[in-house]
Amino acid sequence: MAINQQQQDNPNYAYLPEELLGKILEHLPETVKKMNEMFDIQDEPIQNGIKHLRDTGKIGKLATKEYTTSLVAVDGAMIVERMTGSDLLLVVSVGVEGLTEDKSLDWGGTNNQYYQWQTVLLHDEANPRLAQGTMFLMELSMLANSKHEIRIMDGTHFTSILKINSMLSADEEKAGKEYSEALRTFLREIYNKIIPDILNIIESAFNNDNIIALAKYSSSKDINEAFLGDFGITLDDKTFFSLALDEDEYLKPLPVGQSKDERERIWDDLHIRCGLDIPEKDELNVALAKAIKPLMTKDKSTRTSKESELYFTYFKPYQDGPAYRIEIKKSLATDMARFENAF
């Protein structure tokens, strides 16, 4: 009632939320027009670009009728709640099966279907790093310990490396002893492990070709910059393949870092380094560097370029749907029967 009276007494007072929503809707046609124009001017470049990829043998068509229902996807979430004098950290990771009738696979609450961890720390800028890093460790561990034939990682391999590296290098934020002790507590409570055992979690996930990574969103222009530079395509690769591929078509898998920009920006200097004040730091850093070496596009010892053992592809299962960016290990990428069966 007080608000209505204020609106009547003051003609300059806006009627919220009606007037705000009205302005948003008023500008909607112009927004849609701009969006359509962005894609309309790409029609010819897209068709020329996909023709070039088909002509050069880079596009395949799904031929197999084989499939599997042994499928699981894993995702996590985290919250850092800023309270009076302290931060509450809550981290969860959950696995969900695909459409299967196999009742023999037991992986309930005591068998790796979900993890949760929570703690309270004094206010610290490094606390979100700890929450994100432990979330990704949970996801990788669930994927590695699952018995499913296909295990879908949420996001990309690079994102996992980035967040775990951020967690272990939190000394940049001057993380104190409480931070390291919270990480030790997490590993002890969830896995009965210690900080150096993080290496085992990473290796078990990155060396297993049953684990594939599926990015919801990707701004990568690796294919565009490596092969389509002459066609005037301004779209990211995921959007390009969503518009260009036909149903059941896919990009034949290639090692990550096809373009100079993506190699130098991401894969040449990939790293996970522990900066925490722990006795095992130096030994752990040597082992971590060795663990992610297969994914890199540069040999640090010789400073020469090399192919990554992590491959990627784009697959469009339905004509009216999007293309999916999928990261896979070399052993799966080079076995076409298993590769198509996974699709």
Protein backbone atom coordinates (compact mmCIF):
# COMPACT_ATOMS: atom_id res chain seq x y z
CA MET A 1 0.00 0.00 0.00
CA ALA A 2 2.85 2.36 0.88
CA ILE A 3 4.46 1.76 -2.53
CA ASN A 4 1.19 2.38 -4.39
CA GLN A 5 0.68 5.64 -2.47
CA GLN A 6 4.26 6.71 -3.29
CA GLN A 7 3.62 6.03 -6.97
CA GLN A 8 0.43 8.10 -6.90
CA ASP A 9 2.07 10.98 -5.03
CA ASN A 10 5.17 11.05 -7.25
CA PRO A 11 4.47 10.76 -10.98
CA ASN A 12 8.20 10.24 -11.60
CA TYR A 13 8.25 7.03 -9.58
CA ALA A 14 8.47 3.96 -11.84
CA TYR A 15 5.91 1.18 -11.72
CA LEU A 16 8.21 -1.79 -11.02
CA PRO A 17 8.61 -4.38 -12.29
CA GLU A 18 6.12 -3.63 -15.09
CA GLU A 19 7.98 -0.68 -16.62
CA LEU A 20 11.35 -2.47 -16.46
CA LEU A 21 9.95 -5.59 -18.16
CA GLY A 22 8.23 -3.39 -20.72
CA LYS A 23 11.57 -1.80 -21.68
CA ILE A 24 13.20 -5.21 -21.99
CA LEU A 25 10.44 -6.49 -24.27
CA GLU A 26 10.50 -3.25 -26.27
CA HIS A 27 14.13 -3.86 -27.25
CA LEU A 28 13.69 -7.60 -27.89
CA PRO A 29 12.94 -7.35 -31.65
CA GLU A 30 16.14 -5.36 -32.22
CA THR A 31 18.14 -7.89 -30.21
CA VAL A 32 16.72 -10.79 -32.24
CA LYS A 33 17.40 -8.89 -35.48
CA LYS A 34 21.05 -8.41 -34.52
CA MET A 35 21.37 -12.09 -33.66
CA ASN A 36 19.88 -13.16 -37.00
CA GLU A 37 22.18 -10.80 -38.89
CA MET A 38 25.22 -12.28 -37.13
CA PHE A 39 24.39 -15.73 -38.51
CA ASP A 40 22.85 -14.76 -41.88
CA ILE A 41 26.10 -13.26 -43.12
CA GLN A 42 27.85 -16.51 -42.22
CA ASP A 43 25.72 -18.81 -44.42
CA GLU A 44 28.01 -18.85 -47.46
CA PRO A 45 31.30 -18.99 -45.48
CA ILE A 46 29.90 -21.87 -43.40
CA GLN A 47 28.91 -23.89 -46.47
CA ASN A 48 32.25 -23.24 -48.15
CA GLY A 49 34.11 -24.14 -44.97
CA ILE A 50 32.34 -27.44 -44.36
CA LYS A 51 32.75 -28.38 -48.03
CA HIS A 52 36.48 -27.81 -47.68
CA LEU A 53 36.64 -30.04 -44.59
CA ARG A 54 34.66 -32.78 -46.36
CA ASP A 55 36.80 -32.53 -49.51
CA THR A 56 39.99 -32.85 -47.45
CA GLY A 57 38.73 -35.96 -45.63
CA LYS A 58 38.27 -34.42 -42.18
CA ILE A 59 34.55 -35.23 -41.80
CA GLY A 60 33.20 -38.71 -41.07
CA LYS A 61 29.71 -40.20 -41.02
CA LEU A 62 28.59 -42.51 -38.22
CA ALA A 63 28.20 -45.98 -39.74
CA THR A 64 27.88 -48.38 -36.82
CA LYS A 65 24.61 -49.54 -35.27
CA GLU A 66 26.40 -50.82 -32.17
CA TYR A 67 25.81 -49.04 -28.89
CA THR A 68 26.21 -49.42 -25.15
CA THR A 69 23.96 -48.54 -22.23
CA SER A 70 26.90 -48.64 -19.79
CA LEU A 71 27.09 -44.87 -19.40
CA VAL A 72 27.54 -42.41 -16.56
CA ALA A 73 27.93 -38.63 -16.33
CA VAL A 74 29.51 -36.87 -13.36
CA ASP A 75 29.04 -33.28 -12.26
CA GLY A 76 29.86 -31.27 -9.17
CA ALA A 77 28.90 -28.08 -7.36
CA MET A 78 30.37 -25.89 -4.67
CA ILE A 79 29.30 -23.03 -2.44
CA VAL A 80 31.40 -20.64 -0.40
CA GLU A 81 29.06 -18.89 2.01
CA ARG A 82 30.57 -15.76 3.54
CA MET A 83 29.40 -15.63 7.14
CA THR A 84 30.39 -13.49 10.09
CA GLY A 85 34.08 -14.08 10.61
CA SER A 86 34.21 -17.32 8.66
CA ASP A 87 33.51 -19.03 5.35
CA LEU A 88 31.36 -22.14 5.05
CA LEU A 89 32.54 -24.42 2.22
CA LEU A 90 30.19 -27.06 0.84
CA VAL A 91 31.31 -29.29 -2.04
CA VAL A 92 29.41 -32.12 -3.75
CA SER A 93 29.90 -34.43 -6.73
CA VAL A 94 27.24 -36.74 -8.18
CA GLY A 95 27.15 -39.43 -10.86
CA VAL A 96 24.02 -40.23 -12.86
CA GLU A 97 23.62 -43.27 -15.09
CA GLY A 98 22.26 -43.30 -18.61
CA LEU A 99 19.25 -45.34 -19.69
CA THR A 100 20.32 -48.83 -18.66
CA GLU A 101 18.56 -52.03 -17.67
CA ASP A 102 21.69 -53.54 -16.13
CA LYS A 103 21.00 -54.04 -12.43
CA SER A 104 24.28 -55.83 -11.72
CA LEU A 105 26.38 -52.68 -11.33
CA ASP A 106 26.27 -51.67 -7.69
CA TRP A 107 27.63 -48.17 -7.11
CA GLY A 108 25.33 -46.65 -4.53
CA GLY A 109 26.17 -44.20 -1.74
CA THR A 110 28.96 -46.38 -0.33
CA ASN A 111 30.28 -47.24 -3.79
CA ASN A 112 31.28 -43.94 -5.34
CA GLN A 113 27.97 -42.57 -6.69
CA TYR A 114 28.38 -39.34 -4.77
CA TYR A 115 30.77 -37.46 -2.51
CA GLN A 116 30.20 -34.48 -0.23
CA TRP A 117 32.51 -32.48 1.98
CA GLN A 118 32.06 -29.39 4.08
CA THR A 119 34.19 -27.33 6.41
CA VAL A 120 34.46 -23.90 7.99
CA LEU A 121 37.52 -21.65 7.58
CA LEU A 122 38.38 -18.13 8.61
CA HIS A 123 37.81 -15.57 5.84
CA ASP A 124 40.51 -15.99 3.20
CA GLU A 125 40.70 -15.04 -0.47
CA ALA A 126 42.08 -18.53 -1.23
CA ASN A 127 39.03 -20.40 0.11
CA PRO A 128 37.17 -20.50 -3.26
CA ARG A 129 40.27 -22.12 -4.78
CA LEU A 130 40.04 -24.90 -2.21
CA ALA A 131 36.33 -25.44 -2.86
CA GLN A 132 36.74 -25.56 -6.66
CA GLY A 133 39.82 -27.75 -6.53
CA THR A 134 38.28 -30.33 -4.20
CA MET A 135 35.17 -30.42 -6.38
CA PHE A 136 37.23 -31.30 -9.44
CA LEU A 137 39.18 -33.93 -7.49
CA MET A 138 35.87 -35.50 -6.47
CA GLU A 139 34.68 -35.58 -10.08
CA LEU A 140 37.92 -37.09 -11.39
CA SER A 141 37.97 -39.70 -8.65
CA MET A 142 34.37 -40.75 -9.33
CA LEU A 143 35.09 -41.07 -13.05
CA ALA A 144 38.25 -43.11 -12.49
CA ASN A 145 36.61 -45.49 -10.00
CA SER A 146 33.42 -46.06 -11.99
CA LYS A 147 33.06 -49.36 -13.88
CA HIS A 148 30.96 -47.92 -16.71
CA GLU A 149 32.11 -48.29 -20.29
CA ILE A 150 31.61 -44.59 -21.08
CA ARG A 151 32.16 -41.96 -18.37
CA ILE A 152 31.42 -38.34 -19.15
CA MET A 153 33.48 -35.59 -17.53
CA ASP A 154 31.74 -32.23 -17.22
CA GLY A 155 33.79 -29.60 -19.04
CA THR A 156 37.28 -30.04 -20.45
CA HIS A 157 40.51 -31.64 -19.30
CA PHE A 158 42.09 -28.20 -19.29
CA THR A 159 39.51 -26.86 -16.82
CA SER A 160 40.25 -29.67 -14.36
CA ILE A 161 43.99 -28.97 -14.60
CA LEU A 162 43.41 -25.23 -14.20
CA LYS A 163 41.31 -25.59 -11.04
CA ILE A 164 43.54 -28.20 -9.38
CA ASN A 165 46.60 -26.09 -10.16
CA SER A 166 44.82 -23.07 -8.67
CA MET A 167 44.09 -25.04 -5.50
CA LEU A 168 47.67 -26.28 -5.11
CA SER A 169 49.25 -22.89 -5.88
CA ALA A 170 47.13 -20.97 -3.39
CA ASP A 171 50.30 -19.65 -1.76
CA GLU A 172 49.88 -16.80 -4.27
CA GLU A 173 46.93 -15.73 -2.16
CA LYS A 174 49.07 -16.19 0.97
CA ALA A 175 47.03 -19.20 2.03
CA GLY A 176 47.93 -20.13 5.59
CA LYS A 177 48.36 -23.38 7.49
CA GLU A 178 44.59 -23.64 7.96
CA TYR A 179 44.20 -23.95 4.18
CA SER A 180 46.71 -26.80 3.87
CA GLU A 181 45.23 -28.53 6.89
CA ALA A 182 41.71 -28.28 5.37
CA LEU A 183 43.02 -29.91 2.16
CA ARG A 184 44.64 -32.69 4.20
CA THR A 185 41.38 -33.19 6.10
CA PHE A 186 39.43 -33.41 2.83
CA LEU A 187 41.75 -36.07 1.40
CA ARG A 188 41.80 -38.05 4.65
CA GLU A 189 38.02 -37.98 5.16
CA ILE A 190 37.00 -38.67 1.55
CA TYR A 191 39.78 -40.94 0.28
CA ASN A 192 41.99 -41.83 3.24
CA LYS A 193 44.78 -40.15 1.27
CA ILE A 194 47.40 -37.46 1.74
CA ILE A 195 48.25 -34.44 -0.46
CA PRO A 196 50.83 -36.27 -2.66
CA ASP A 197 48.14 -38.83 -3.49
CA ILE A 198 46.44 -36.13 -5.59
CA LEU A 199 48.85 -37.32 -8.29
CA ASN A 200 47.18 -40.76 -8.31
CA ILE A 201 43.73 -39.22 -8.78
CA ILE A 202 44.94 -37.14 -11.74
CA GLU A 203 46.81 -40.02 -13.40
CA SER A 204 43.95 -42.48 -13.03
CA ALA A 205 41.53 -40.08 -14.74
CA PHE A 206 43.80 -38.71 -17.48
CA ASN A 207 45.10 -42.14 -18.54
CA ASN A 208 41.72 -43.86 -18.78
CA ASP A 209 40.19 -43.81 -22.27
CA ASN A 210 36.75 -44.75 -20.91
CA ILE A 211 36.60 -41.16 -19.64
CA ILE A 212 35.57 -38.56 -22.20
CA ALA A 213 35.09 -34.84 -21.61
CA LEU A 214 32.02 -32.97 -22.80
CA ALA A 215 32.08 -29.17 -22.82
CA LYS A 216 28.71 -27.42 -22.39
CA TYR A 217 30.27 -24.26 -23.79
CA SER A 218 33.43 -23.73 -25.82
CA SER A 219 34.87 -20.61 -27.41
CA SER A 220 37.66 -22.56 -29.13
CA LYS A 221 38.43 -21.59 -32.74
CA ASP A 222 41.13 -24.22 -33.15
CA ILE A 223 39.69 -25.74 -36.36
CA ASN A 224 38.72 -22.34 -37.78
CA GLU A 225 42.19 -20.91 -37.28
CA ALA A 226 44.04 -24.05 -38.38
CA PHE A 227 42.06 -24.94 -41.53
CA LEU A 228 39.42 -22.33 -42.38
CA GLY A 229 41.30 -19.02 -42.25
CA ASP A 230 40.52 -18.19 -45.89
CA PHE A 231 36.75 -18.52 -45.58
CA GLY A 232 35.89 -15.52 -43.39
CA ILE A 233 34.18 -17.53 -40.66
CA THR A 234 33.96 -15.56 -37.40
CA LEU A 235 32.13 -18.20 -35.32
CA ASP A 236 33.65 -20.44 -32.68
CA ASP A 237 34.11 -24.08 -33.74
CA LYS A 238 31.20 -25.45 -31.70
CA THR A 239 28.74 -23.02 -33.31
CA PHE A 240 30.25 -23.61 -36.76
CA PHE A 241 29.84 -27.39 -36.55
CA SER A 242 26.33 -27.06 -35.07
CA LEU A 243 25.29 -25.13 -38.19
CA ALA A 244 27.44 -26.98 -40.75
CA LEU A 245 27.36 -30.70 -39.93
CA ASP A 246 24.58 -33.01 -41.07
CA GLU A 247 22.99 -35.58 -38.77
CA ASP A 248 25.45 -38.28 -37.60
CA GLU A 249 28.46 -36.45 -39.05
CA TYR A 250 31.57 -35.79 -37.00
CA LEU A 251 34.98 -34.22 -37.24
CA LYS A 252 37.54 -37.01 -37.45
CA PRO A 253 39.44 -36.80 -34.16
CA LEU A 254 42.55 -34.65 -34.04
CA PRO A 255 45.10 -33.88 -31.29
CA VAL A 256 44.32 -30.70 -29.34
CA GLY A 257 46.28 -27.62 -30.36
CA GLN A 258 45.82 -27.67 -34.13
CA SER A 259 46.30 -23.91 -34.38
CA LYS A 260 49.38 -21.98 -33.31
CA ASP A 261 47.31 -19.73 -31.05
CA GLU A 262 45.69 -22.57 -29.12
CA ARG A 263 48.96 -24.45 -28.73
CA GLU A 264 50.79 -21.42 -27.34
CA ARG A 265 47.89 -20.18 -25.22
CA ILE A 266 46.89 -23.48 -23.60
CA TRP A 267 48.80 -26.66 -24.36
CA ASP A 268 52.48 -25.70 -24.71
CA ASP A 269 52.88 -24.58 -21.12
CA LEU A 270 50.27 -26.73 -19.40
CA HIS A 271 51.20 -27.26 -15.77
CA ILE A 272 50.15 -28.18 -12.26
CA ARG A 273 52.50 -26.93 -9.55
CA CYS A 274 52.18 -27.28 -5.82
CA GLY A 275 53.20 -24.15 -3.92
CA LEU A 276 51.83 -25.18 -0.55
CA ASP A 277 54.22 -25.38 2.38
CA ILE A 278 54.44 -29.18 2.61
CA PRO A 279 57.57 -31.37 2.94
CA GLU A 280 56.78 -33.34 -0.23
CA LYS A 281 56.40 -30.28 -2.49
CA ASP A 282 59.48 -30.71 -4.73
CA GLU A 283 58.97 -34.43 -5.28
CA LEU A 284 55.25 -33.90 -5.96
CA ASN A 285 55.93 -31.19 -8.56
CA VAL A 286 58.25 -33.47 -10.52
CA ALA A 287 55.60 -36.18 -10.54
CA LEU A 288 52.80 -33.77 -11.49
CA ALA A 289 54.81 -32.48 -14.46
CA LYS A 290 55.33 -36.05 -15.65
CA ALA A 291 51.62 -36.88 -15.24
CA ILE A 292 50.36 -34.15 -17.58
CA LYS A 293 53.25 -34.33 -20.07
CA PRO A 294 51.26 -36.57 -22.50
CA LEU A 295 48.63 -33.83 -22.87
CA MET A 296 51.11 -31.09 -23.75
CA THR A 297 52.09 -29.89 -27.22
CA LYS A 298 55.68 -29.03 -26.32
CA ASP A 299 58.46 -31.16 -24.86
CA LYS A 300 59.90 -28.94 -22.11
CA SER A 301 63.20 -30.80 -22.01
CA THR A 302 63.95 -30.29 -25.72
CA ARG A 303 61.70 -27.21 -26.30
CA THR A 304 60.34 -28.89 -29.44
CA SER A 305 56.75 -29.26 -30.56
CA LYS A 306 55.00 -32.60 -30.23
CA GLU A 307 51.51 -34.00 -30.64
CA SER A 308 49.28 -34.18 -27.60
CA GLU A 309 47.80 -37.56 -26.68
CA LEU A 310 44.51 -35.79 -25.94
CA TYR A 311 42.25 -35.65 -28.99
CA PHE A 312 39.02 -33.78 -29.72
CA THR A 313 36.09 -34.05 -32.10
CA TYR A 314 32.69 -32.50 -32.84
CA PHE A 315 29.67 -34.75 -33.30
CA LYS A 316 26.12 -33.85 -34.36
CA PRO A 317 23.69 -36.68 -33.54
CA TYR A 318 20.49 -34.92 -34.70
CA GLN A 319 19.85 -32.61 -37.63
CA ASP A 320 18.04 -29.98 -35.58
CA GLY A 321 20.31 -30.25 -32.54
CA PRO A 322 23.72 -28.86 -31.63
CA ALA A 323 27.13 -30.34 -32.26
CA TYR A 324 29.00 -31.54 -29.18
CA ARG A 325 32.68 -30.92 -28.50
CA ILE A 326 34.15 -34.12 -27.09
CA GLU A 327 37.67 -34.72 -25.78
CA ILE A 328 39.01 -38.28 -25.87
CA LYS A 329 42.28 -40.12 -25.31
CA LYS A 330 44.48 -41.14 -28.25
CA SER A 331 43.82 -44.86 -27.76
CA LEU A 332 40.08 -44.30 -28.27
CA ALA A 333 40.53 -41.76 -31.07
CA THR A 334 42.60 -44.19 -33.13
CA ASP A 335 40.27 -47.18 -32.65
CA MET A 336 37.41 -46.32 -35.01
CA ALA A 337 35.17 -49.22 -33.95
CA ARG A 338 35.25 -48.19 -30.28
CA PHE A 339 35.17 -44.50 -31.23
CA GLU A 340 31.93 -44.84 -33.23
CA ASN A 341 30.46 -47.19 -30.66
CA ALA A 342 30.92 -44.46 -28.05
CA PHE A 343 28.94 -42.05 -30.26
